[in-house]
């Protein structure tokens, strides 16, 4: 399951931190300016359907610092922990702000690893090693459109004069759970 959203913290109460989704279209199709929200508390109360004989649910929320608590300095009040409480077997979390292009690129490589049979932690490790490596050619086993997207993301990252090998861009991504 992938979620494209931005994590908005509530400094007064971590349980009210939430994922914010884009503006909601009104009845006439115009944007109302409202934002759909999914709170840590709501996610933690869910029970995601997971087949008993499958590998489990791996959630990869593409949001800022979803693995850090906002108010409480423990690990119980994070969006990543909320997904685990809801039944996800693992969550790709972020410990610090990471660059959008780098995160998207690692996420593509991570999912490619999952699709080729790697466990979530191994898939992330392979993606991070790819980012750290001297040669970055999207894997030939990726579908052509995904390879093109990976190449575009890599080009955008390097065009902005950022070195993809810099751990600041990807080392904050961690897999929590199993």
Protein backbone atom coordinates (compact mmCIF):
# COMPACT_ATOMS: atom_id res chain seq x y z
CA UNK A 1 0.00 0.00 0.00
CA UNK A 2 1.42 3.40 -0.92
CA UNK A 3 0.24 6.70 0.40
CA UNK A 4 1.21 10.02 -1.13
CA UNK A 5 0.64 12.59 1.52
CA UNK A 6 2.41 15.05 3.75
CA UNK A 7 2.72 14.48 7.49
CA UNK A 8 1.52 17.47 9.48
CA UNK A 9 2.58 17.26 13.11
CA UNK A 10 0.52 18.55 15.98
CA UNK A 11 3.13 19.78 18.49
CA UNK A 12 0.59 19.73 21.32
CA UNK A 13 -0.49 16.12 20.86
CA UNK A 14 1.17 13.44 18.70
CA UNK A 15 -2.10 11.53 18.41
CA UNK A 16 -3.56 14.44 16.44
CA UNK A 17 -0.70 14.54 13.94
CA UNK A 18 -2.05 13.52 10.56
CA UNK A 19 -1.37 12.80 6.94
CA UNK A 20 -2.74 15.59 4.75
CA UNK A 21 -3.98 14.84 1.28
CA UNK A 22 -4.61 17.42 -1.45
CA UNK A 23 -7.51 19.82 -1.64
CA UNK A 24 -10.91 18.19 -2.02
CA UNK A 25 -12.88 18.91 -5.21
CA UNK A 26 -16.21 20.57 -4.49
CA UNK A 27 -19.55 19.52 -6.02
CA UNK A 28 -18.85 21.64 -9.11
CA UNK A 29 -15.35 20.18 -9.56
CA UNK A 30 -13.45 23.22 -8.26
CA UNK A 31 -11.00 22.89 -5.39
CA UNK A 32 -12.55 23.85 -2.07
CA UNK A 33 -9.25 24.30 -0.28
CA UNK A 34 -10.24 21.63 2.25
CA UNK A 35 -7.71 18.97 3.00
CA UNK A 36 -8.47 15.33 3.66
CA UNK A 37 -6.75 14.19 6.84
CA UNK A 38 -5.86 10.87 8.32
CA UNK A 39 -4.74 11.11 11.94
CA UNK A 40 -2.30 8.88 13.80
CA UNK A 41 -5.17 7.95 16.11
CA UNK A 42 -7.45 6.94 13.19
CA UNK A 43 -4.73 4.86 11.52
CA UNK A 44 -3.90 3.08 14.80
CA UNK A 45 -7.57 2.15 15.27
CA UNK A 46 -7.80 0.45 11.84
CA UNK A 47 -7.53 -3.23 11.19
CA UNK A 48 -6.07 -3.61 7.71
CA UNK A 49 -7.13 -6.81 5.94
CA UNK A 50 -4.07 -9.02 5.68
CA UNK A 51 -4.26 -12.56 4.23
CA UNK A 52 -3.11 -15.04 6.90
CA UNK A 53 -0.94 -16.99 4.45
CA UNK A 54 0.69 -13.98 2.78
CA UNK A 55 3.83 -12.01 3.55
CA UNK A 56 1.87 -9.31 5.38
CA UNK A 57 1.15 -5.72 4.55
CA UNK A 58 4.11 -3.43 3.90
CA UNK A 59 3.15 0.25 4.03
CA UNK A 60 5.31 2.90 2.43
CA UNK A 61 3.93 6.32 3.29
CA UNK A 62 5.75 8.93 1.23
CA UNK A 63 5.72 11.58 3.92
CA UNK A 64 8.13 13.57 6.01
CA UNK A 65 9.51 12.09 9.20
CA UNK A 66 6.70 9.56 9.67
CA UNK A 67 8.91 7.51 11.97
CA UNK A 68 9.47 10.17 14.61
CA UNK A 69 7.25 11.06 17.55
CA UNK A 70 6.33 14.72 17.74
CA UNK A 71 5.77 15.37 21.42
CA UNK A 72 6.55 12.21 23.32
CA UNK A 73 10.11 11.01 23.14
CA UNK A 74 9.16 7.39 22.79
CA UNK A 75 8.29 5.32 19.76
CA UNK A 76 4.58 4.90 20.43
CA UNK A 77 3.12 8.02 18.84
CA UNK A 78 4.33 7.94 15.24
CA UNK A 79 2.51 7.42 11.95
CA UNK A 80 4.73 4.39 11.29
CA UNK A 81 3.78 2.89 14.68
CA UNK A 82 0.11 3.63 13.98
CA UNK A 83 0.24 1.57 10.76
CA UNK A 84 1.89 -1.27 12.68
CA UNK A 85 -0.87 -1.07 15.31
CA UNK A 86 -3.42 -1.25 12.48
CA UNK A 87 -2.00 -4.55 11.29
CA UNK A 88 0.76 -3.66 8.84
CA UNK A 89 3.66 -6.07 9.12
CA UNK A 90 6.21 -3.44 8.15
CA UNK A 91 6.38 0.27 7.38
CA UNK A 92 8.94 2.30 5.47
CA UNK A 93 9.51 5.25 7.79
CA UNK A 94 11.59 8.39 7.65
CA UNK A 95 13.64 9.66 10.57
CA UNK A 96 14.38 13.09 9.11
CA UNK A 97 13.42 15.31 6.23
CA UNK A 98 14.64 13.83 2.97
CA UNK A 99 14.66 15.28 -0.55
CA UNK A 100 11.54 14.49 -2.54
CA UNK A 101 13.36 13.16 -5.62
CA UNK A 102 15.67 11.00 -3.53
CA UNK A 103 12.79 9.59 -1.49
CA UNK A 104 10.77 8.82 -4.61
CA UNK A 105 13.77 7.12 -6.21
CA UNK A 106 14.51 5.00 -3.14
CA UNK A 107 10.80 4.15 -2.92
CA UNK A 108 10.79 2.92 -6.55
CA UNK A 109 13.86 0.80 -5.90
CA UNK A 110 12.39 -0.45 -2.61
CA UNK A 111 9.20 -1.61 -4.33
CA UNK A 112 11.21 -3.21 -7.10
CA UNK A 113 13.04 -5.17 -4.42
CA UNK A 114 9.75 -6.23 -2.83
CA UNK A 115 8.39 -7.34 -6.22
CA UNK A 116 11.51 -9.43 -6.85
CA UNK A 117 11.04 -11.32 -3.59
CA UNK A 118 13.18 -9.44 -1.06
CA UNK A 119 11.97 -8.91 2.49
CA UNK A 120 11.25 -5.21 3.25
CA UNK A 121 14.50 -4.61 5.18
CA UNK A 122 16.55 -6.27 2.43
CA UNK A 123 14.69 -4.34 -0.30
CA UNK A 124 15.50 -1.06 1.47
CA UNK A 125 19.13 -2.08 1.98
CA UNK A 126 19.49 -2.86 -1.72
CA UNK A 127 17.91 0.49 -2.65
CA UNK A 128 20.24 2.38 -0.30
CA UNK A 129 23.30 0.52 -1.60
CA UNK A 130 22.24 1.47 -5.13
CA UNK A 131 22.02 5.14 -4.09
CA UNK A 132 25.45 4.95 -2.42
CA UNK A 133 27.10 3.17 -5.32
CA UNK A 134 29.25 4.83 -7.95
CA UNK A 135 27.15 3.61 -10.90
CA UNK A 136 23.42 4.22 -10.83
CA UNK A 137 21.64 2.57 -13.72
CA UNK A 138 18.01 1.60 -13.05
CA UNK A 139 17.75 -2.19 -12.89
CA UNK A 140 17.01 -3.81 -16.26
CA UNK A 141 14.40 -6.00 -14.55
CA UNK A 142 12.23 -2.94 -13.82
CA UNK A 143 9.31 -2.33 -16.19
CA UNK A 144 10.31 0.17 -18.91
CA UNK A 145 8.03 2.97 -17.65
CA UNK A 146 9.35 2.57 -14.09
CA UNK A 147 12.94 2.58 -15.38
CA UNK A 148 12.21 5.85 -17.21
CA UNK A 149 10.71 7.36 -14.08
CA UNK A 150 13.73 6.24 -12.01
CA UNK A 151 16.07 7.81 -14.58
CA UNK A 152 14.05 11.06 -14.52
CA UNK A 153 14.18 11.20 -10.72
CA UNK A 154 17.92 10.54 -10.72
CA UNK A 155 18.43 13.26 -13.35
CA UNK A 156 16.33 15.73 -11.35
CA UNK A 157 18.35 15.00 -8.22
CA UNK A 158 21.70 15.44 -9.94
CA UNK A 159 20.47 18.49 -11.91
CA UNK A 160 19.76 20.17 -8.58
CA UNK A 161 23.47 19.60 -7.82
CA UNK A 162 22.83 17.04 -5.13
CA UNK A 163 24.91 13.90 -4.91
CA UNK A 164 22.59 10.87 -4.71
CA UNK A 165 25.32 9.07 -2.74
CA UNK A 166 24.99 11.58 0.12
CA UNK A 167 23.45 9.57 2.99
CA UNK A 168 21.54 12.65 4.15
CA UNK A 169 19.14 11.99 1.26
CA UNK A 170 18.31 8.36 1.97
CA UNK A 171 19.85 7.04 5.20
CA UNK A 172 16.91 8.38 7.23
CA UNK A 173 14.62 5.82 5.60
CA UNK A 174 14.14 2.76 7.79
CA UNK A 175 11.90 -0.28 7.83
CA UNK A 176 10.07 -0.82 11.09
CA UNK A 177 8.25 -4.03 11.84
CA UNK A 178 9.24 -7.32 10.26
